[in-house]
Amino acid sequence: MPAENQPGQGPARTKRADALRNQQALLDAAAAVFVTSGVDAPIREIAAGAGVGLGTIYRHFPTRADLVVAVYRHQVEACAEAGPSLLGSADAPLAALRQWVDLFVDFLVTKHGLANAMQSDSSGFEALHTYFLDRLVPVCAQLLDAAVDAGEIRPGTHAYELMRGIGNLCIGRDSDPRYDPRRLVELLLRGMSEVRTSP
């Protein structure tokens, strides 16, 4: 009996891998659309970006809230995984921190629509917020510690404080397209930079 089941396992695995790739493509496309058009963007715009039909999206994500939450989790994981990767590839820890903050800002722009999309499930929103902190605060702390150890920023800034400050700077982005939080985030990072003076 086991020998008869084995031939069917290859195609099943391939189908699962294809479905996973489709889902990842959907999440990437949705994240990009949410950043530019907000979480209320037409589903057909996301489908076009992912190169799939509307039915595929609804099969994976029956409601818009399901899609928004999945994008949220997908971006949290992308941010979490990017930290160590950037730290290993950037010329300096501060450069890695700046690149990570840029990804974090993209994530925050998407995140701001989450509360509206989950109006009926405040407990679910709180659980996601806890998950967000558990995954990203240690990554930000690692980047900050590396930049401090390299003498590129002043010590004393905590990861949660920095993330909270960046979050507050991003709040006005979705209500006023003239407002660019990245400029102020850059000023914040500059202010953290170590200023060395001659003895």
C-alpha atoms as a PDB file:
ATOM      1  CA  MET A   1       0.000   0.000   0.000  1.00  0.00           C
ATOM      2  CA  PRO A   2       2.661   2.639   0.845  1.00  0.00           C
ATOM      3  CA  ALA A   3       4.357   2.014  -2.503  1.00  0.00           C
ATOM      4  CA  GLU A   4       1.091   2.732  -4.331  1.00  0.00           C
ATOM      5  CA  ASN A   5       0.638   6.038  -2.521  1.00  0.00           C
ATOM      6  CA  GLN A   6       4.106   7.371  -3.301  1.00  0.00           C
ATOM      7  CA  PRO A   7       3.579   8.213  -7.004  1.00  0.00           C
ATOM      8  CA  GLY A   8       0.708  10.547  -6.052  1.00  0.00           C
ATOM      9  CA  GLN A   9       2.797  12.455  -3.516  1.00  0.00           C
ATOM     10  CA  GLY A  10       4.928  14.252  -6.140  1.00  0.00           C
ATOM     11  CA  PRO A  11       2.064  16.016  -7.948  1.00  0.00           C
ATOM     12  CA  ALA A  12       0.363  16.806  -4.623  1.00  0.00           C
ATOM     13  CA  ARG A  13       3.535  18.424  -3.335  1.00  0.00           C
ATOM     14  CA  THR A  14       3.924  20.346  -6.607  1.00  0.00           C
ATOM     15  CA  LYS A  15       0.330  21.557  -6.355  1.00  0.00           C
ATOM     16  CA  ARG A  16       0.898  22.702  -2.777  1.00  0.00           C
ATOM     17  CA  ALA A  17       4.115  24.481  -3.824  1.00  0.00           C
ATOM     18  CA  ASP A  18       2.272  26.208  -6.696  1.00  0.00           C
ATOM     19  CA  ALA A  19      -0.519  27.268  -4.350  1.00  0.00           C
ATOM     20  CA  LEU A  20       2.036  28.643  -1.900  1.00  0.00           C
ATOM     21  CA  ARG A  21       3.795  30.573  -4.678  1.00  0.00           C
ATOM     22  CA  ASN A  22       0.433  31.980  -5.826  1.00  0.00           C
ATOM     23  CA  GLN A  23      -0.360  33.036  -2.283  1.00  0.00           C
ATOM     24  CA  GLN A  24       3.046  34.720  -1.868  1.00  0.00           C
ATOM     25  CA  ALA A  25       2.593  36.529  -5.197  1.00  0.00           C
ATOM     26  CA  LEU A  26      -0.843  37.685  -4.038  1.00  0.00           C
ATOM     27  CA  LEU A  27       0.522  38.970  -0.739  1.00  0.00           C
ATOM     28  CA  ASP A  28       3.391  40.813  -2.448  1.00  0.00           C
ATOM     29  CA  ALA A  29       0.995  42.389  -4.962  1.00  0.00           C
ATOM     30  CA  ALA A  30      -1.519  43.318  -2.261  1.00  0.00           C
ATOM     31  CA  ALA A  31       1.201  44.888  -0.103  1.00  0.00           C
ATOM     32  CA  ALA A  32       2.403  47.009  -3.040  1.00  0.00           C
ATOM     33  CA  VAL A  33      -1.146  48.102  -3.881  1.00  0.00           C
ATOM     34  CA  PHE A  34      -1.975  48.879  -0.243  1.00  0.00           C
ATOM     35  CA  VAL A  35       1.101  51.115   0.050  1.00  0.00           C
ATOM     36  CA  THR A  36       0.100  53.172  -3.002  1.00  0.00           C
ATOM     37  CA  SER A  37      -3.719  52.959  -2.907  1.00  0.00           C
ATOM     38  CA  GLY A  38      -4.635  51.967   0.667  1.00  0.00           C
ATOM     39  CA  VAL A  39      -6.393  48.865   2.000  1.00  0.00           C
ATOM     40  CA  ASP A  40      -9.636  49.806   0.223  1.00  0.00           C
ATOM     41  CA  ALA A  41      -8.027  49.436  -3.206  1.00  0.00           C
ATOM     42  CA  PRO A  42     -10.068  47.407  -5.730  1.00  0.00           C
ATOM     43  CA  ILE A  43      -9.408  43.673  -5.501  1.00  0.00           C
ATOM     44  CA  ARG A  44      -9.064  43.541  -9.311  1.00  0.00           C
ATOM     45  CA  GLU A  45      -6.028  45.858  -9.006  1.00  0.00           C
ATOM     46  CA  ILE A  46      -4.385  43.337  -6.676  1.00  0.00           C
ATOM     47  CA  ALA A  47      -5.322  40.439  -8.958  1.00  0.00           C
ATOM     48  CA  ALA A  48      -3.766  42.234 -11.936  1.00  0.00           C
ATOM     49  CA  GLY A  49      -0.576  42.907  -9.989  1.00  0.00           C
ATOM     50  CA  ALA A  50      -0.316  39.254  -8.964  1.00  0.00           C
ATOM     51  CA  GLY A  51      -1.222  37.950 -12.418  1.00  0.00           C
ATOM     52  CA  VAL A  52      -4.160  35.878 -11.127  1.00  0.00           C
ATOM     53  CA  GLY A  53      -7.944  35.941 -11.433  1.00  0.00           C
ATOM     54  CA  LEU A  54     -10.346  37.337  -8.851  1.00  0.00           C
ATOM     55  CA  GLY A  55     -11.484  33.812  -8.008  1.00  0.00           C
ATOM     56  CA  THR A  56      -7.950  32.897  -6.905  1.00  0.00           C
ATOM     57  CA  ILE A  57      -7.870  35.794  -4.459  1.00  0.00           C
ATOM     58  CA  TYR A  58     -11.256  34.928  -2.963  1.00  0.00           C
ATOM     59  CA  ARG A  59     -10.279  31.272  -2.721  1.00  0.00           C
ATOM     60  CA  HIS A  60      -7.259  32.198  -0.575  1.00  0.00           C
ATOM     61  CA  PHE A  61      -8.826  35.180   1.211  1.00  0.00           C
ATOM     62  CA  PRO A  62     -12.656  35.114   1.397  1.00  0.00           C
ATOM     63  CA  THR A  63     -12.893  38.628   2.902  1.00  0.00           C
ATOM     64  CA  ARG A  64     -10.894  41.834   2.580  1.00  0.00           C
ATOM     65  CA  ALA A  65     -10.051  41.608   6.295  1.00  0.00           C
ATOM     66  CA  ASP A  66      -8.542  38.151   5.710  1.00  0.00           C
ATOM     67  CA  LEU A  67      -6.357  39.608   2.973  1.00  0.00           C
ATOM     68  CA  VAL A  68      -5.300  42.646   5.017  1.00  0.00           C
ATOM     69  CA  VAL A  69      -4.358  40.490   8.015  1.00  0.00           C
ATOM     70  CA  ALA A  70      -2.401  38.093   5.782  1.00  0.00           C
ATOM     71  CA  VAL A  71      -0.528  41.021   4.204  1.00  0.00           C
ATOM     72  CA  TYR A  72       0.167  42.405   7.685  1.00  0.00           C
ATOM     73  CA  ARG A  73       1.667  39.096   8.852  1.00  0.00           C
ATOM     74  CA  HIS A  74       3.558  38.699   5.577  1.00  0.00           C
ATOM     75  CA  GLN A  75       5.135  42.137   5.965  1.00  0.00           C
ATOM     76  CA  VAL A  76       5.985  41.591   9.628  1.00  0.00           C
ATOM     77  CA  GLU A  77       7.860  38.439   8.651  1.00  0.00           C
ATOM     78  CA  ALA A  78       9.573  40.210   5.743  1.00  0.00           C
ATOM     79  CA  CYS A  79      10.720  43.011   8.087  1.00  0.00           C
ATOM     80  CA  ALA A  80      11.873  40.521  10.712  1.00  0.00           C
ATOM     81  CA  GLU A  81      13.894  38.502   8.192  1.00  0.00           C
ATOM     82  CA  ALA A  82      15.327  41.611   6.505  1.00  0.00           C
ATOM     83  CA  GLY A  83      17.071  42.907   9.637  1.00  0.00           C
ATOM     84  CA  PRO A  84      19.810  40.258   9.970  1.00  0.00           C
ATOM     85  CA  SER A  85      20.134  40.040   6.189  1.00  0.00           C
ATOM     86  CA  LEU A  86      20.716  43.804   5.821  1.00  0.00           C
ATOM     87  CA  LEU A  87      23.128  43.792   8.740  1.00  0.00           C
ATOM     88  CA  GLY A  88      25.173  41.126   6.986  1.00  0.00           C
ATOM     89  CA  SER A  89      25.216  42.809   3.574  1.00  0.00           C
ATOM     90  CA  ALA A  90      25.305  46.576   4.252  1.00  0.00           C
ATOM     91  CA  ASP A  91      28.547  48.561   4.337  1.00  0.00           C
ATOM     92  CA  ALA A  92      27.870  49.669   7.920  1.00  0.00           C
ATOM     93  CA  PRO A  93      25.283  49.003  10.661  1.00  0.00           C
ATOM     94  CA  LEU A  94      23.781  52.490  10.313  1.00  0.00           C
ATOM     95  CA  ALA A  95      23.226  51.878   6.586  1.00  0.00           C
ATOM     96  CA  ALA A  96      21.496  48.594   7.485  1.00  0.00           C
ATOM     97  CA  LEU A  97      19.332  50.410  10.036  1.00  0.00           C
ATOM     98  CA  ARG A  98      18.345  53.064   7.476  1.00  0.00           C
ATOM     99  CA  GLN A  99      17.377  50.409   4.911  1.00  0.00           C
ATOM    100  CA  TRP A 100      15.402  48.504   7.528  1.00  0.00           C
ATOM    101  CA  VAL A 101      13.593  51.654   8.644  1.00  0.00           C
ATOM    102  CA  ASP A 102      12.627  52.282   5.009  1.00  0.00           C
ATOM    103  CA  LEU A 103      10.997  48.823   4.867  1.00  0.00           C
ATOM    104  CA  PHE A 104       9.377  49.486   8.229  1.00  0.00           C
ATOM    105  CA  VAL A 105       7.840  52.733   6.952  1.00  0.00           C
ATOM    106  CA  ASP A 106       6.361  50.873   3.952  1.00  0.00           C
ATOM    107  CA  PHE A 107       4.894  48.394   6.398  1.00  0.00           C
ATOM    108  CA  LEU A 108       3.450  51.128   8.621  1.00  0.00           C
ATOM    109  CA  VAL A 109       1.700  52.797   5.687  1.00  0.00           C
ATOM    110  CA  THR A 110      -0.117  49.502   5.061  1.00  0.00           C
ATOM    111  CA  LYS A 111      -0.739  48.897   8.764  1.00  0.00           C
ATOM    112  CA  HIS A 112      -2.689  52.119   9.253  1.00  0.00           C
ATOM    113  CA  GLY A 113      -5.667  50.736   7.344  1.00  0.00           C
ATOM    114  CA  LEU A 114      -5.764  47.570   9.407  1.00  0.00           C
ATOM    115  CA  ALA A 115      -7.948  48.881  12.225  1.00  0.00           C
ATOM    116  CA  ASN A 116     -10.700  49.958   9.813  1.00  0.00           C
ATOM    117  CA  ALA A 117     -10.557  46.632   7.975  1.00  0.00           C
ATOM    118  CA  MET A 118     -10.944  44.775  11.288  1.00  0.00           C
ATOM    119  CA  GLN A 119     -13.561  46.968  12.947  1.00  0.00           C
ATOM    120  CA  SER A 120     -15.549  43.997  14.236  1.00  0.00           C
ATOM    121  CA  ASP A 121     -12.554  42.158  15.731  1.00  0.00           C
ATOM    122  CA  SER A 122     -10.661  44.344  18.193  1.00  0.00           C
ATOM    123  CA  SER A 123      -9.242  41.293  20.007  1.00  0.00           C
ATOM    124  CA  GLY A 124      -7.780  40.074  16.707  1.00  0.00           C
ATOM    125  CA  PHE A 125      -6.182  43.465  16.159  1.00  0.00           C
ATOM    126  CA  GLU A 126      -4.623  43.381  19.646  1.00  0.00           C
ATOM    127  CA  ALA A 127      -3.233  39.897  19.016  1.00  0.00           C
ATOM    128  CA  LEU A 128      -1.644  41.111  15.768  1.00  0.00           C
ATOM    129  CA  HIS A 129      -0.138  44.111  17.541  1.00  0.00           C
ATOM    130  CA  THR A 130       1.452  41.817  20.138  1.00  0.00           C
ATOM    131  CA  TYR A 131       2.785  39.592  17.353  1.00  0.00           C
ATOM    132  CA  PHE A 132       4.187  42.703  15.608  1.00  0.00           C
ATOM    133  CA  LEU A 133       6.076  43.795  18.743  1.00  0.00           C
ATOM    134  CA  ASP A 134       7.348  40.298  19.552  1.00  0.00           C
ATOM    135  CA  ARG A 135       8.784  39.871  16.053  1.00  0.00           C
ATOM    136  CA  LEU A 136      10.106  43.359  15.261  1.00  0.00           C
ATOM    137  CA  VAL A 137      11.350  44.946  18.487  1.00  0.00           C
ATOM    138  CA  PRO A 138      14.226  42.420  18.854  1.00  0.00           C
ATOM    139  CA  VAL A 139      15.223  42.960  15.205  1.00  0.00           C
ATOM    140  CA  CYS A 140      15.285  46.739  15.609  1.00  0.00           C
ATOM    141  CA  ALA A 141      17.248  46.325  18.855  1.00  0.00           C
ATOM    142  CA  GLN A 142      19.851  44.201  17.060  1.00  0.00           C
ATOM    143  CA  LEU A 143      20.308  46.886  14.390  1.00  0.00           C
ATOM    144  CA  LEU A 144      20.498  49.681  16.971  1.00  0.00           C
ATOM    145  CA  ASP A 145      23.024  47.790  19.116  1.00  0.00           C
ATOM    146  CA  ALA A 146      25.228  47.150  16.072  1.00  0.00           C
ATOM    147  CA  ALA A 147      25.143  50.855  15.114  1.00  0.00           C
ATOM    148  CA  VAL A 148      25.963  51.879  18.705  1.00  0.00           C
ATOM    149  CA  ASP A 149      28.829  49.376  18.883  1.00  0.00           C
ATOM    150  CA  ALA A 150      30.190  50.806  15.622  1.00  0.00           C
ATOM    151  CA  GLY A 151      30.054  54.319  17.088  1.00  0.00           C
ATOM    152  CA  GLU A 152      27.586  55.485  14.422  1.00  0.00           C
ATOM    153  CA  ILE A 153      24.733  56.500  16.718  1.00  0.00           C
ATOM    154  CA  ARG A 154      24.501  57.639  20.299  1.00  0.00           C
ATOM    155  CA  PRO A 155      23.642  54.986  22.880  1.00  0.00           C
ATOM    156  CA  GLY A 156      20.431  55.223  24.872  1.00  0.00           C
ATOM    157  CA  THR A 157      17.713  54.897  22.218  1.00  0.00           C
ATOM    158  CA  HIS A 158      15.485  51.878  22.824  1.00  0.00           C
ATOM    159  CA  ALA A 159      14.067  49.899  19.910  1.00  0.00           C
ATOM    160  CA  TYR A 160      10.466  50.308  21.068  1.00  0.00           C
ATOM    161  CA  GLU A 161      10.919  54.084  21.400  1.00  0.00           C
ATOM    162  CA  LEU A 162      12.371  54.365  17.902  1.00  0.00           C
ATOM    163  CA  MET A 163       9.619  52.233  16.354  1.00  0.00           C
ATOM    164  CA  ARG A 164       6.943  54.180  18.218  1.00  0.00           C
ATOM    165  CA  GLY A 165       8.449  57.490  17.102  1.00  0.00           C
ATOM    166  CA  ILE A 166       8.588  56.384  13.467  1.00  0.00           C
ATOM    167  CA  GLY A 167       5.012  55.139  13.752  1.00  0.00           C
ATOM    168  CA  ASN A 168       3.852  58.508  15.049  1.00  0.00           C
ATOM    169  CA  LEU A 169       5.603  60.293  12.173  1.00  0.00           C
ATOM    170  CA  CYS A 170       3.798  58.046   9.674  1.00  0.00           C
ATOM    171  CA  ILE A 171       0.286  58.671  11.003  1.00  0.00           C
ATOM    172  CA  GLY A 172      -0.597  61.594   8.713  1.00  0.00           C
ATOM    173  CA  ARG A 173       0.448  59.870   5.480  1.00  0.00           C
ATOM    174  CA  ASP A 174      -2.883  58.264   4.589  1.00  0.00           C
ATOM    175  CA  SER A 175      -4.966  61.415   5.148  1.00  0.00           C
ATOM    176  CA  ASP A 176      -2.701  63.913   3.378  1.00  0.00           C
ATOM    177  CA  PRO A 177      -0.766  62.869   0.266  1.00  0.00           C
ATOM    178  CA  ARG A 178       1.348  66.051   0.540  1.00  0.00           C
ATOM    179  CA  TYR A 179       2.873  64.729   3.747  1.00  0.00           C
ATOM    180  CA  ASP A 180       5.982  62.571   3.350  1.00  0.00           C
ATOM    181  CA  PRO A 181       6.964  60.908   6.628  1.00  0.00           C
ATOM    182  CA  ARG A 182      10.247  59.676   5.171  1.00  0.00           C
ATOM    183  CA  ARG A 183      11.762  63.156   5.301  1.00  0.00           C
ATOM    184  CA  LEU A 184      11.044  63.487   9.009  1.00  0.00           C
ATOM    185  CA  VAL A 185      12.135  59.904   9.701  1.00  0.00           C
ATOM    186  CA  GLU A 186      15.444  60.745   8.008  1.00  0.00           C
ATOM    187  CA  LEU A 187      15.806  63.808  10.275  1.00  0.00           C
ATOM    188  CA  LEU A 188      15.132  61.560  13.279  1.00  0.00           C
ATOM    189  CA  LEU A 189      17.856  59.135  12.208  1.00  0.00           C
ATOM    190  CA  ARG A 190      20.286  61.983  11.586  1.00  0.00           C
ATOM    191  CA  GLY A 191      19.592  63.296  15.068  1.00  0.00           C
ATOM    192  CA  MET A 192      20.553  59.913  16.506  1.00  0.00           C
ATOM    193  CA  SER A 193      23.883  59.898  14.677  1.00  0.00           C
ATOM    194  CA  GLU A 194      26.962  60.202  16.816  1.00  0.00           C
ATOM    195  CA  VAL A 195      28.557  63.625  16.544  1.00  0.00           C
ATOM    196  CA  ARG A 196      32.244  63.346  17.311  1.00  0.00           C
ATOM    197  CA  THR A 197      34.123  66.401  18.470  1.00  0.00           C
ATOM    198  CA  SER A 198      37.868  66.904  18.630  1.00  0.00           C
ATOM    199  CA  PRO A 199      39.373  66.620  22.118  1.00  0.00           C
END
